[in-house]
Amino acid sequence: MSELLLLGASGLAREALAVLRKQGEHTVLGCLDDDPTTWDREYDRMLVFGGIEQVERFPGAKLLVCVGKGSHRATLSQRLIALGRDDHDYATVIDESVSIPAGCLVGAGSILLAGSVLTTNVTIGRHVVVMPHVTLTHDAFVESFATLCAGVTLGGNVLVGERSYLGMNSSVREGLRVGRDAVLGMGAVLLDELPPGQTWAGVPARQILRAAS
């Protein structure tokens, strides 16, 4: 079994840890987190050793980034590149209930939780988080650092941009594009292209405008 470190003492870390313990393919050494209040404390029966720079103490360990927000996962990934880590250093965690058909690809460091479905020719990028019971239908493409919350459904040929966030039980009509850094609210139904950086919600989904300050 290979050794593994979780990066980020978070709820996502606990969810990934439950899968890892069930599968028994890795020895989880502990966790690293930049919050000093977590250091030298146990978190779900694992020790938080210190900040992210402590990764240099564990040169042979695989890594799993368990930070909930996609932009923060992207920033942390860049920090780890500066510390000499690359895609070969990351574990990919897929719950045993999730089947990856031939022709589907899952990138390094991604996390796929229970009950999610990939049909055919689905591509998932690096450090993507797929929460329980997400449905990804034919030719869907989810770019790196995106977050798909529980119950999300993507129609065929949907592209989800980098660092975007799709809220619980939201759905996207076939053939649409969700732009980079976009947010789709809980329960929203997307029937039109969602431009980069915008937040949309509702049925059908429409842009939410911030009040003037």
N, C-alpha and C. Protein backbone atom coordinates (compact mmCIF):
# COMPACT_ATOMS: atom_id res chain seq x y z
N MET A 1 0.84 -1.20 0.00
CA MET A 1 0.00 0.00 0.00
C MET A 1 0.88 1.25 0.00
N SER A 2 0.49 2.24 -0.79
CA SER A 2 1.25 3.49 -0.83
C SER A 2 0.78 4.41 0.30
N GLU A 3 1.70 5.25 0.76
CA GLU A 3 1.37 6.23 1.80
C GLU A 3 0.71 7.44 1.17
N LEU A 4 -0.17 8.11 1.93
CA LEU A 4 -0.94 9.22 1.39
C LEU A 4 -1.14 10.29 2.45
N LEU A 5 -1.06 11.54 2.02
CA LEU A 5 -1.35 12.70 2.86
C LEU A 5 -2.56 13.44 2.32
N LEU A 6 -3.46 13.82 3.21
CA LEU A 6 -4.58 14.68 2.83
C LEU A 6 -4.18 16.13 3.07
N LEU A 7 -4.52 16.99 2.14
CA LEU A 7 -4.18 18.41 2.25
C LEU A 7 -5.47 19.21 2.43
N GLY A 8 -5.68 19.69 3.66
CA GLY A 8 -6.88 20.42 4.01
C GLY A 8 -7.71 19.63 5.01
N ALA A 9 -7.81 20.12 6.25
CA ALA A 9 -8.64 19.48 7.27
C ALA A 9 -10.07 19.99 7.09
N SER A 10 -10.82 19.31 6.25
CA SER A 10 -12.12 19.80 5.80
C SER A 10 -13.15 18.68 5.81
N GLY A 11 -14.42 19.05 5.59
CA GLY A 11 -15.44 18.04 5.42
C GLY A 11 -15.16 17.13 4.23
N LEU A 12 -14.63 17.73 3.15
CA LEU A 12 -14.27 16.93 1.97
C LEU A 12 -13.19 15.91 2.33
N ALA A 13 -12.24 16.31 3.18
CA ALA A 13 -11.19 15.37 3.61
C ALA A 13 -11.81 14.18 4.33
N ARG A 14 -12.80 14.44 5.18
CA ARG A 14 -13.45 13.34 5.90
C ARG A 14 -14.20 12.42 4.95
N GLU A 15 -14.83 13.00 3.92
CA GLU A 15 -15.56 12.18 2.94
C GLU A 15 -14.59 11.32 2.14
N ALA A 16 -13.48 11.92 1.71
CA ALA A 16 -12.48 11.15 0.98
C ALA A 16 -11.86 10.07 1.88
N LEU A 17 -11.64 10.42 3.13
CA LEU A 17 -11.03 9.48 4.07
C LEU A 17 -11.93 8.26 4.27
N ALA A 18 -13.24 8.47 4.29
CA ALA A 18 -14.16 7.34 4.44
C ALA A 18 -14.01 6.37 3.27
N VAL A 19 -13.85 6.90 2.05
CA VAL A 19 -13.64 6.04 0.89
C VAL A 19 -12.30 5.33 0.98
N LEU A 20 -11.26 6.06 1.35
CA LEU A 20 -9.92 5.48 1.44
C LEU A 20 -9.87 4.37 2.47
N ARG A 21 -10.50 4.56 3.60
CA ARG A 21 -10.49 3.52 4.64
C ARG A 21 -11.26 2.29 4.19
N LYS A 22 -12.34 2.50 3.46
CA LYS A 22 -13.13 1.37 2.98
C LYS A 22 -12.35 0.56 1.95
N GLN A 23 -11.61 1.24 1.08
CA GLN A 23 -10.89 0.55 0.01
C GLN A 23 -9.60 -0.08 0.49
N GLY A 24 -8.92 0.55 1.45
CA GLY A 24 -7.72 -0.02 2.02
C GLY A 24 -6.52 -0.07 1.09
N GLU A 25 -6.49 0.78 0.06
CA GLU A 25 -5.39 0.76 -0.90
C GLU A 25 -4.25 1.70 -0.52
N HIS A 26 -4.49 2.60 0.42
CA HIS A 26 -3.47 3.55 0.86
C HIS A 26 -3.38 3.54 2.38
N THR A 27 -2.19 3.83 2.86
CA THR A 27 -1.99 4.11 4.28
C THR A 27 -2.03 5.61 4.46
N VAL A 28 -3.07 6.12 5.09
CA VAL A 28 -3.22 7.57 5.28
C VAL A 28 -2.37 7.98 6.47
N LEU A 29 -1.33 8.76 6.17
CA LEU A 29 -0.40 9.17 7.22
C LEU A 29 -0.99 10.24 8.12
N GLY A 30 -1.77 11.14 7.54
CA GLY A 30 -2.32 12.25 8.29
C GLY A 30 -2.70 13.36 7.34
N CYS A 31 -2.70 14.58 7.88
CA CYS A 31 -3.23 15.72 7.14
C CYS A 31 -2.31 16.92 7.33
N LEU A 32 -2.31 17.81 6.33
CA LEU A 32 -1.63 19.11 6.43
C LEU A 32 -2.66 20.21 6.19
N ASP A 33 -2.54 21.30 6.93
CA ASP A 33 -3.48 22.41 6.79
C ASP A 33 -2.78 23.69 7.23
N ASP A 34 -3.04 24.78 6.53
CA ASP A 34 -2.37 26.04 6.85
C ASP A 34 -2.94 26.74 8.08
N ASP A 35 -4.03 26.26 8.63
CA ASP A 35 -4.63 26.87 9.82
C ASP A 35 -3.89 26.38 11.06
N PRO A 36 -3.16 27.27 11.76
CA PRO A 36 -2.36 26.81 12.91
C PRO A 36 -3.19 26.21 14.03
N THR A 37 -4.49 26.57 14.11
CA THR A 37 -5.32 26.02 15.19
C THR A 37 -5.57 24.52 15.02
N THR A 38 -5.30 23.99 13.83
CA THR A 38 -5.50 22.55 13.61
C THR A 38 -4.25 21.73 13.87
N TRP A 39 -3.10 22.38 14.01
CA TRP A 39 -1.83 21.66 14.06
C TRP A 39 -1.72 20.82 15.33
N ASP A 40 -1.12 19.65 15.18
CA ASP A 40 -0.87 18.71 16.28
C ASP A 40 -2.16 18.26 16.97
N ARG A 41 -3.26 18.33 16.23
CA ARG A 41 -4.53 17.84 16.74
C ARG A 41 -5.04 16.72 15.83
N GLU A 42 -5.90 15.86 16.42
CA GLU A 42 -6.49 14.81 15.62
C GLU A 42 -7.74 15.32 14.92
N TYR A 43 -7.89 14.90 13.66
CA TYR A 43 -9.05 15.26 12.86
C TYR A 43 -9.57 13.97 12.24
N ASP A 44 -10.72 13.52 12.71
CA ASP A 44 -11.28 12.23 12.28
C ASP A 44 -10.25 11.11 12.41
N ARG A 45 -9.64 11.05 13.58
CA ARG A 45 -8.66 9.99 13.93
C ARG A 45 -7.39 10.04 13.09
N MET A 46 -7.05 11.21 12.54
CA MET A 46 -5.76 11.38 11.88
C MET A 46 -5.14 12.68 12.37
N LEU A 47 -3.82 12.72 12.43
CA LEU A 47 -3.12 13.87 12.98
C LEU A 47 -2.87 14.91 11.91
N VAL A 48 -3.07 16.18 12.28
CA VAL A 48 -2.70 17.30 11.41
C VAL A 48 -1.29 17.71 11.79
N PHE A 49 -0.34 17.45 10.90
CA PHE A 49 1.07 17.63 11.22
C PHE A 49 1.50 19.10 11.23
N GLY A 50 0.89 19.91 10.39
CA GLY A 50 1.31 21.31 10.26
C GLY A 50 0.85 21.88 8.94
N GLY A 51 1.51 22.94 8.49
CA GLY A 51 1.12 23.62 7.26
C GLY A 51 1.52 22.85 6.01
N ILE A 52 1.08 23.37 4.88
CA ILE A 52 1.27 22.67 3.60
C ILE A 52 2.75 22.48 3.29
N GLU A 53 3.61 23.43 3.69
CA GLU A 53 5.04 23.30 3.40
C GLU A 53 5.65 22.06 4.04
N GLN A 54 4.97 21.48 5.04
CA GLN A 54 5.46 20.27 5.68
C GLN A 54 5.44 19.07 4.73
N VAL A 55 4.85 19.25 3.54
CA VAL A 55 4.83 18.17 2.57
C VAL A 55 6.24 17.69 2.23
N GLU A 56 7.23 18.56 2.41
CA GLU A 56 8.62 18.19 2.12
C GLU A 56 9.13 17.11 3.07
N ARG A 57 8.46 16.91 4.21
CA ARG A 57 8.85 15.86 5.15
C ARG A 57 8.45 14.47 4.66
N PHE A 58 7.59 14.42 3.63
CA PHE A 58 7.03 13.14 3.19
C PHE A 58 7.24 12.98 1.68
N PRO A 59 8.47 12.86 1.23
CA PRO A 59 8.76 12.89 -0.20
C PRO A 59 8.15 11.74 -0.99
N GLY A 60 7.90 10.60 -0.33
CA GLY A 60 7.37 9.46 -1.06
C GLY A 60 5.87 9.31 -1.00
N ALA A 61 5.19 10.19 -0.25
CA ALA A 61 3.76 10.03 -0.05
C ALA A 61 2.96 10.61 -1.21
N LYS A 62 1.88 9.93 -1.58
CA LYS A 62 0.92 10.48 -2.50
C LYS A 62 0.13 11.60 -1.79
N LEU A 63 -0.44 12.50 -2.59
CA LEU A 63 -1.16 13.64 -2.04
C LEU A 63 -2.59 13.65 -2.55
N LEU A 64 -3.50 14.19 -1.72
CA LEU A 64 -4.88 14.40 -2.15
C LEU A 64 -5.33 15.75 -1.62
N VAL A 65 -5.62 16.68 -2.54
CA VAL A 65 -6.05 18.02 -2.16
C VAL A 65 -7.53 17.98 -1.81
N CYS A 66 -7.85 18.30 -0.56
CA CYS A 66 -9.22 18.19 -0.05
C CYS A 66 -9.77 19.55 0.37
N VAL A 67 -9.49 20.56 -0.43
CA VAL A 67 -9.99 21.91 -0.18
C VAL A 67 -11.25 22.08 -1.02
N GLY A 68 -12.33 22.57 -0.40
CA GLY A 68 -13.62 22.56 -1.06
C GLY A 68 -13.73 23.49 -2.25
N LYS A 69 -13.18 24.69 -2.17
CA LYS A 69 -13.35 25.68 -3.23
C LYS A 69 -12.35 25.43 -4.35
N GLY A 70 -12.84 25.40 -5.58
CA GLY A 70 -12.00 25.07 -6.71
C GLY A 70 -10.84 26.02 -6.91
N SER A 71 -11.07 27.32 -6.72
CA SER A 71 -9.98 28.29 -6.90
C SER A 71 -8.90 28.08 -5.86
N HIS A 72 -9.28 27.65 -4.66
CA HIS A 72 -8.29 27.37 -3.63
C HIS A 72 -7.51 26.09 -3.96
N ARG A 73 -8.19 25.10 -4.54
CA ARG A 73 -7.47 23.90 -4.98
C ARG A 73 -6.45 24.26 -6.05
N ALA A 74 -6.84 25.17 -6.96
CA ALA A 74 -5.91 25.58 -8.02
C ALA A 74 -4.70 26.30 -7.45
N THR A 75 -4.92 27.18 -6.48
CA THR A 75 -3.82 27.91 -5.85
C THR A 75 -2.89 26.95 -5.12
N LEU A 76 -3.48 26.00 -4.41
CA LEU A 76 -2.67 25.03 -3.67
C LEU A 76 -1.86 24.16 -4.62
N SER A 77 -2.45 23.81 -5.75
CA SER A 77 -1.72 23.02 -6.74
C SER A 77 -0.49 23.77 -7.23
N GLN A 78 -0.63 25.08 -7.45
CA GLN A 78 0.52 25.87 -7.89
C GLN A 78 1.60 25.93 -6.81
N ARG A 79 1.19 26.03 -5.56
CA ARG A 79 2.17 26.02 -4.47
C ARG A 79 2.93 24.71 -4.43
N LEU A 80 2.24 23.62 -4.68
CA LEU A 80 2.89 22.31 -4.64
C LEU A 80 3.83 22.11 -5.82
N ILE A 81 3.52 22.72 -6.97
CA ILE A 81 4.46 22.70 -8.09
C ILE A 81 5.77 23.36 -7.67
N ALA A 82 5.65 24.48 -6.97
CA ALA A 82 6.85 25.19 -6.50
C ALA A 82 7.63 24.35 -5.49
N LEU A 83 6.95 23.40 -4.83
CA LEU A 83 7.61 22.51 -3.88
C LEU A 83 8.07 21.21 -4.54
N GLY A 84 8.01 21.18 -5.87
CA GLY A 84 8.55 20.04 -6.60
C GLY A 84 7.58 18.91 -6.85
N ARG A 85 6.29 19.12 -6.64
CA ARG A 85 5.30 18.06 -6.87
C ARG A 85 4.61 18.25 -8.21
N ASP A 86 4.24 17.12 -8.85
CA ASP A 86 3.54 17.18 -10.13
C ASP A 86 2.40 16.17 -10.12
N ASP A 87 1.77 15.97 -11.28
CA ASP A 87 0.58 15.11 -11.34
C ASP A 87 0.84 13.69 -10.88
N HIS A 88 2.06 13.20 -11.03
CA HIS A 88 2.38 11.83 -10.62
C HIS A 88 2.32 11.65 -9.10
N ASP A 89 2.33 12.77 -8.37
CA ASP A 89 2.33 12.70 -6.91
C ASP A 89 0.93 12.62 -6.31
N TYR A 90 -0.11 12.70 -7.14
CA TYR A 90 -1.46 12.78 -6.60
C TYR A 90 -2.20 11.44 -6.71
N ALA A 91 -2.94 11.14 -5.67
CA ALA A 91 -3.88 10.02 -5.71
C ALA A 91 -5.19 10.50 -6.33
N THR A 92 -5.88 9.59 -6.99
CA THR A 92 -7.23 9.82 -7.49
C THR A 92 -8.16 8.89 -6.73
N VAL A 93 -9.21 9.45 -6.12
CA VAL A 93 -10.07 8.66 -5.24
C VAL A 93 -11.44 8.50 -5.90
N ILE A 94 -11.82 7.26 -6.16
CA ILE A 94 -13.09 6.95 -6.81
C ILE A 94 -13.81 5.91 -5.96
N ASP A 95 -14.98 6.25 -5.45
CA ASP A 95 -15.74 5.30 -4.64
C ASP A 95 -16.01 4.03 -5.43
N GLU A 96 -16.03 2.90 -4.73
CA GLU A 96 -16.18 1.61 -5.40
C GLU A 96 -17.53 1.46 -6.10
N SER A 97 -18.50 2.30 -5.77
CA SER A 97 -19.80 2.24 -6.43
C SER A 97 -19.79 2.92 -7.80
N VAL A 98 -18.72 3.65 -8.12
CA VAL A 98 -18.65 4.42 -9.36
C VAL A 98 -17.89 3.63 -10.42
N SER A 99 -18.52 3.38 -11.55
CA SER A 99 -17.89 2.67 -12.67
C SER A 99 -17.32 3.69 -13.66
N ILE A 100 -16.11 3.44 -14.12
CA ILE A 100 -15.47 4.29 -15.13
C ILE A 100 -15.41 3.47 -16.42
N PRO A 101 -16.37 3.69 -17.33
CA PRO A 101 -16.39 2.89 -18.57
C PRO A 101 -15.17 3.17 -19.44
N ALA A 102 -14.86 2.24 -20.31
CA ALA A 102 -13.80 2.44 -21.29
C ALA A 102 -14.12 3.68 -22.11
N GLY A 103 -13.09 4.49 -22.34
CA GLY A 103 -13.28 5.73 -23.07
C GLY A 103 -13.52 6.94 -22.20
N CYS A 104 -13.76 6.74 -20.90
CA CYS A 104 -13.89 7.85 -19.96
C CYS A 104 -12.55 8.08 -19.26
N LEU A 105 -12.24 9.32 -18.98
CA LEU A 105 -10.97 9.68 -18.37
C LEU A 105 -11.21 10.49 -17.10
N VAL A 106 -10.40 10.21 -16.07
CA VAL A 106 -10.46 10.95 -14.81
C VAL A 106 -9.06 11.43 -14.49
N GLY A 107 -8.89 12.74 -14.30
CA GLY A 107 -7.58 13.33 -14.10
C GLY A 107 -7.03 13.13 -12.70
N ALA A 108 -5.74 13.41 -12.58
CA ALA A 108 -5.02 13.24 -11.32
C ALA A 108 -5.62 14.09 -10.22
N GLY A 109 -5.75 13.49 -9.04
CA GLY A 109 -6.18 14.23 -7.86
C GLY A 109 -7.67 14.43 -7.75
N SER A 110 -8.46 13.90 -8.69
CA SER A 110 -9.90 14.09 -8.62
C SER A 110 -10.52 13.14 -7.61
N ILE A 111 -11.71 13.54 -7.11
CA ILE A 111 -12.44 12.78 -6.10
C ILE A 111 -13.85 12.55 -6.61
N LEU A 112 -14.27 11.29 -6.73
CA LEU A 112 -15.61 10.92 -7.18
C LEU A 112 -16.27 10.12 -6.07
N LEU A 113 -17.33 10.68 -5.51
CA LEU A 113 -17.99 10.04 -4.37
C LEU A 113 -19.15 9.15 -4.82
N ALA A 114 -19.78 8.50 -3.86
CA ALA A 114 -20.68 7.37 -4.11
C ALA A 114 -21.86 7.72 -5.01
N GLY A 115 -22.20 6.77 -5.87
CA GLY A 115 -23.42 6.84 -6.65
C GLY A 115 -23.35 7.68 -7.90
N SER A 116 -22.20 8.24 -8.21
CA SER A 116 -22.09 9.04 -9.43
C SER A 116 -22.00 8.13 -10.65
N VAL A 117 -22.48 8.66 -11.79
CA VAL A 117 -22.57 7.86 -13.01
C VAL A 117 -21.89 8.59 -14.15
N LEU A 118 -21.00 7.89 -14.85
CA LEU A 118 -20.41 8.36 -16.10
C LEU A 118 -20.90 7.41 -17.19
N THR A 119 -21.48 7.95 -18.27
CA THR A 119 -22.02 7.04 -19.28
C THR A 119 -20.96 6.68 -20.32
N THR A 120 -20.64 7.59 -21.24
CA THR A 120 -19.64 7.26 -22.26
C THR A 120 -18.91 8.51 -22.72
N ASN A 121 -17.61 8.34 -22.97
CA ASN A 121 -16.75 9.42 -23.47
C ASN A 121 -16.80 10.67 -22.59
N VAL A 122 -16.80 10.45 -21.29
CA VAL A 122 -16.80 11.55 -20.32
C VAL A 122 -15.36 11.83 -19.92
N THR A 123 -14.99 13.11 -19.86
CA THR A 123 -13.64 13.50 -19.45
C THR A 123 -13.74 14.39 -18.22
N ILE A 124 -13.00 14.02 -17.19
CA ILE A 124 -12.94 14.79 -15.94
C ILE A 124 -11.49 15.21 -15.74
N GLY A 125 -11.26 16.49 -15.53
CA GLY A 125 -9.92 17.02 -15.43
C GLY A 125 -9.25 16.76 -14.09
N ARG A 126 -8.24 17.54 -13.78
CA ARG A 126 -7.43 17.38 -12.57
C ARG A 126 -8.12 18.05 -11.39
N HIS A 127 -8.04 17.41 -10.23
CA HIS A 127 -8.52 17.98 -8.97
C HIS A 127 -9.98 18.44 -9.06
N VAL A 128 -10.79 17.66 -9.76
CA VAL A 128 -12.23 17.90 -9.81
C VAL A 128 -12.87 17.17 -8.64
N VAL A 129 -13.88 17.79 -8.03
CA VAL A 129 -14.63 17.14 -6.96
C VAL A 129 -16.04 16.85 -7.47
N VAL A 130 -16.40 15.56 -7.45
CA VAL A 130 -17.72 15.10 -7.87
C VAL A 130 -18.39 14.49 -6.64
N MET A 131 -19.38 15.18 -6.10
CA MET A 131 -20.06 14.74 -4.89
C MET A 131 -21.05 13.62 -5.22
N PRO A 132 -21.73 13.04 -4.21
CA PRO A 132 -22.56 11.86 -4.48
C PRO A 132 -23.69 12.09 -5.48
N HIS A 133 -23.96 11.05 -6.26
CA HIS A 133 -25.12 10.96 -7.15
C HIS A 133 -25.14 12.04 -8.22
N VAL A 134 -23.98 12.31 -8.79
CA VAL A 134 -23.87 13.19 -9.96
C VAL A 134 -23.98 12.32 -11.22
N THR A 135 -24.67 12.84 -12.24
CA THR A 135 -24.82 12.12 -13.50
C THR A 135 -24.14 12.90 -14.62
N LEU A 136 -23.18 12.26 -15.26
CA LEU A 136 -22.43 12.86 -16.37
C LEU A 136 -22.71 12.03 -17.61
N THR A 137 -23.46 12.59 -18.55
CA THR A 137 -23.85 11.80 -19.72
C THR A 137 -22.87 12.01 -20.87
N HIS A 138 -23.17 11.45 -22.00
CA HIS A 138 -22.20 11.28 -23.09
C HIS A 138 -21.48 12.57 -23.47
N ASP A 139 -20.18 12.44 -23.61
CA ASP A 139 -19.30 13.50 -24.12
C ASP A 139 -19.22 14.73 -23.22
N ALA A 140 -19.62 14.60 -21.96
CA ALA A 140 -19.43 15.70 -21.01
C ALA A 140 -17.94 15.90 -20.76
N PHE A 141 -17.54 17.16 -20.58
CA PHE A 141 -16.14 17.50 -20.32
C PHE A 141 -16.11 18.45 -19.14
N VAL A 142 -15.51 18.01 -18.04
CA VAL A 142 -15.42 18.81 -16.82
C VAL A 142 -13.96 19.22 -16.65
N GLU A 143 -13.69 20.51 -16.75
CA GLU A 143 -12.31 20.98 -16.68
C GLU A 143 -11.80 20.99 -15.23
N SER A 144 -10.50 21.13 -15.09
CA SER A 144 -9.82 21.00 -13.80
C SER A 144 -10.35 21.98 -12.76
N PHE A 145 -10.37 21.50 -11.51
CA PHE A 145 -10.71 22.28 -10.32
C PHE A 145 -12.19 22.63 -10.23
N ALA A 146 -13.02 22.08 -11.10
CA ALA A 146 -14.46 22.30 -10.99
C ALA A 146 -15.01 21.50 -9.81
N THR A 147 -16.19 21.94 -9.31
CA THR A 147 -16.88 21.26 -8.22
C THR A 147 -18.31 20.99 -8.65
N LEU A 148 -18.70 19.72 -8.63
CA LEU A 148 -20.07 19.31 -8.94
C LEU A 148 -20.69 18.78 -7.66
N CYS A 149 -21.62 19.52 -7.10
CA CYS A 149 -22.22 19.13 -5.83
C CYS A 149 -23.22 17.99 -6.01
N ALA A 150 -23.71 17.47 -4.89
CA ALA A 150 -24.55 16.28 -4.91
C ALA A 150 -25.77 16.47 -5.81
N GLY A 151 -26.03 15.46 -6.64
CA GLY A 151 -27.23 15.45 -7.45
C GLY A 151 -27.17 16.23 -8.74
N VAL A 152 -26.03 16.79 -9.10
CA VAL A 152 -25.90 17.53 -10.36
C VAL A 152 -26.10 16.58 -11.54
N THR A 153 -26.77 17.08 -12.59
CA THR A 153 -26.96 16.31 -13.81
C THR A 153 -26.51 17.14 -15.01
N LEU A 154 -25.63 16.56 -15.83
CA LEU A 154 -25.17 17.21 -17.05
C LEU A 154 -25.72 16.44 -18.25
N GLY A 155 -26.36 17.17 -19.18
CA GLY A 155 -26.76 16.57 -20.43
C GLY A 155 -25.55 16.28 -21.30
N GLY A 156 -25.78 15.65 -22.44
CA GLY A 156 -24.69 15.30 -23.34
C GLY A 156 -23.99 16.52 -23.91
N ASN A 157 -22.69 16.37 -24.14
CA ASN A 157 -21.87 17.42 -24.76
C ASN A 157 -21.82 18.73 -23.97
N VAL A 158 -21.96 18.64 -22.67
CA VAL A 158 -21.82 19.83 -21.81
C VAL A 158 -20.35 20.01 -21.47
N LEU A 159 -19.89 21.25 -21.48
CA LEU A 159 -18.54 21.59 -21.02
C LEU A 159 -18.65 22.44 -19.77
N VAL A 160 -17.98 22.01 -18.72
CA VAL A 160 -17.94 22.74 -17.45
C VAL A 160 -16.54 23.31 -17.29
N GLY A 161 -16.44 24.63 -17.18
CA GLY A 161 -15.14 25.30 -17.18
C GLY A 161 -14.37 25.18 -15.88
N GLU A 162 -13.10 25.50 -15.96
CA GLU A 162 -12.21 25.43 -14.79
C GLU A 162 -12.75 26.24 -13.62
N ARG A 163 -12.62 25.66 -12.44
CA ARG A 163 -12.92 26.31 -11.16
C ARG A 163 -14.40 26.66 -11.00
N SER A 164 -15.25 26.20 -11.90
CA SER A 164 -16.67 26.51 -11.77
C SER A 164 -17.30 25.65 -10.67
N TYR A 165 -18.48 26.07 -10.23
CA TYR A 165 -19.17 25.44 -9.10
C TYR A 165 -20.63 25.24 -9.47
N LEU A 166 -21.07 23.98 -9.46
CA LEU A 166 -22.45 23.65 -9.75
C LEU A 166 -23.11 23.17 -8.47
N GLY A 167 -24.13 23.91 -8.00
CA GLY A 167 -24.76 23.63 -6.72
C GLY A 167 -25.60 22.36 -6.72
N MET A 168 -25.99 21.94 -5.54
CA MET A 168 -26.73 20.69 -5.37
C MET A 168 -27.99 20.64 -6.24
N ASN A 169 -28.16 19.51 -6.91
CA ASN A 169 -29.35 19.21 -7.70
C ASN A 169 -29.58 20.19 -8.86
N SER A 170 -28.55 20.88 -9.28
CA SER A 170 -28.68 21.70 -10.49
C SER A 170 -28.53 20.81 -11.72
N SER A 171 -29.03 21.31 -12.85
CA SER A 171 -28.94 20.53 -14.08
C SER A 171 -28.63 21.45 -15.25
N VAL A 172 -27.94 20.88 -16.24
CA VAL A 172 -27.49 21.64 -17.41
C VAL A 172 -27.97 20.93 -18.66
N ARG A 173 -28.68 21.68 -19.51
CA ARG A 173 -29.19 21.11 -20.76
C ARG A 173 -28.04 20.71 -21.68
N GLU A 174 -28.29 19.75 -22.54
CA GLU A 174 -27.27 19.23 -23.44
C GLU A 174 -26.68 20.33 -24.32
N GLY A 175 -25.39 20.19 -24.59
CA GLY A 175 -24.71 21.05 -25.55
C GLY A 175 -24.30 22.41 -25.04
N LEU A 176 -24.50 22.69 -23.76
CA LEU A 176 -24.19 24.01 -23.22
C LEU A 176 -22.79 24.07 -22.63
N ARG A 177 -22.34 25.31 -22.42
CA ARG A 177 -21.03 25.57 -21.81
C ARG A 177 -21.23 26.37 -20.53
N VAL A 178 -20.62 25.90 -19.46
CA VAL A 178 -20.54 26.65 -18.20
C VAL A 178 -19.15 27.26 -18.15
N GLY A 179 -19.06 28.59 -18.12
CA GLY A 179 -17.77 29.26 -18.21
C GLY A 179 -16.90 29.07 -16.98
N ARG A 180 -15.62 29.38 -17.17
CA ARG A 180 -14.67 29.30 -16.06
C ARG A 180 -15.11 30.21 -14.91
N ASP A 181 -14.92 29.72 -13.67
CA ASP A 181 -15.20 30.50 -12.45
C ASP A 181 -16.67 30.88 -12.32
N ALA A 182 -17.55 30.21 -13.05
CA ALA A 182 -18.98 30.48 -12.95
C ALA A 182 -19.59 29.69 -11.79
N VAL A 183 -20.75 30.14 -11.33
CA VAL A 183 -21.49 29.47 -10.26
C VAL A 183 -22.93 29.26 -10.72
N LEU A 184 -23.41 28.03 -10.58
CA LEU A 184 -24.80 27.70 -10.84
C LEU A 184 -25.43 27.28 -9.52
N GLY A 185 -26.50 27.97 -9.13
CA GLY A 185 -27.08 27.79 -7.80
C GLY A 185 -27.78 26.45 -7.61
N MET A 186 -28.09 26.15 -6.36
CA MET A 186 -28.77 24.91 -6.00
C MET A 186 -30.11 24.81 -6.71
N GLY A 187 -30.38 23.64 -7.30
CA GLY A 187 -31.66 23.38 -7.93
C GLY A 187 -31.89 24.13 -9.23
N ALA A 188 -30.90 24.85 -9.73
CA ALA A 188 -31.07 25.64 -10.94
C ALA A 188 -31.16 24.74 -12.17
N VAL A 189 -31.86 25.24 -13.19
CA VAL A 189 -31.97 24.55 -14.47
C VAL A 189 -31.39 25.47 -15.54
N LEU A 190 -30.23 25.09 -16.07
CA LEU A 190 -29.53 25.93 -17.03
C LEU A 190 -29.97 25.57 -18.44
N LEU A 191 -30.55 26.56 -19.13
CA LEU A 191 -31.03 26.37 -20.49
C LEU A 191 -30.26 27.22 -21.50
N ASP A 192 -29.35 28.06 -21.01
CA ASP A 192 -28.54 28.93 -21.88
C ASP A 192 -27.10 28.89 -21.41
N GLU A 193 -26.19 29.33 -22.28
CA GLU A 193 -24.77 29.40 -21.92
C GLU A 193 -24.59 30.26 -20.67
N LEU A 194 -23.74 29.78 -19.74
CA LEU A 194 -23.42 30.52 -18.52
C LEU A 194 -22.05 31.15 -18.71
N PRO A 195 -21.95 32.48 -18.86
CA PRO A 195 -20.67 33.12 -19.16
C PRO A 195 -19.67 32.99 -18.00
N PRO A 196 -18.39 33.08 -18.30
CA PRO A 196 -17.36 32.98 -17.26
C PRO A 196 -17.57 34.00 -16.14
N GLY A 197 -17.36 33.56 -14.92
CA GLY A 197 -17.36 34.44 -13.76
C GLY A 197 -18.71 34.88 -13.26
N GLN A 198 -19.79 34.48 -13.92
CA GLN A 198 -21.11 34.92 -13.49
C GLN A 198 -21.76 33.89 -12.57
N THR A 199 -22.74 34.36 -11.77
CA THR A 199 -23.53 33.51 -10.90
C THR A 199 -24.97 33.51 -11.38
N TRP A 200 -25.49 32.32 -11.65
CA TRP A 200 -26.87 32.17 -12.11
C TRP A 200 -27.61 31.25 -11.16
N ALA A 201 -28.94 31.47 -11.04
CA ALA A 201 -29.77 30.61 -10.21
C ALA A 201 -31.20 30.66 -10.73
N GLY A 202 -32.02 29.71 -10.27
CA GLY A 202 -33.43 29.71 -10.61
C GLY A 202 -33.81 28.72 -11.69
N VAL A 203 -35.11 28.69 -11.99
CA VAL A 203 -35.68 27.79 -13.00
C VAL A 203 -36.58 28.62 -13.92
N PRO A 204 -36.16 28.88 -15.16
CA PRO A 204 -34.81 28.60 -15.68
C PRO A 204 -33.79 29.53 -15.05
N ALA A 205 -32.52 29.14 -15.10
CA ALA A 205 -31.48 29.91 -14.44
C ALA A 205 -31.25 31.24 -15.16
N ARG A 206 -31.08 32.29 -14.34
CA ARG A 206 -30.77 33.62 -14.81
C ARG A 206 -29.68 34.24 -13.95
N GLN A 207 -28.98 35.23 -14.47
CA GLN A 207 -27.89 35.83 -13.72
C GLN A 207 -28.39 36.54 -12.48
N ILE A 208 -27.64 36.39 -11.41
CA ILE A 208 -27.88 37.13 -10.16
C ILE A 208 -26.95 38.32 -10.16
N LEU A 209 -27.52 39.50 -10.11
CA LEU A 209 -26.72 40.73 -10.13
C LEU A 209 -26.50 41.21 -8.70
N ARG A 210 -25.29 41.61 -8.41
CA ARG A 210 -24.97 42.16 -7.10
C ARG A 210 -25.52 43.58 -6.97
N ALA A 211 -26.01 43.88 -5.78
CA ALA A 211 -26.52 45.24 -5.53
C ALA A 211 -25.35 46.22 -5.55
N ALA A 212 -25.62 47.41 -6.07
CA ALA A 212 -24.58 48.45 -6.09
C ALA A 212 -24.21 48.86 -4.68
N SER A 213 -22.92 49.07 -4.44
CA SER A 213 -22.46 49.46 -3.10
C SER A 213 -22.58 50.96 -2.91
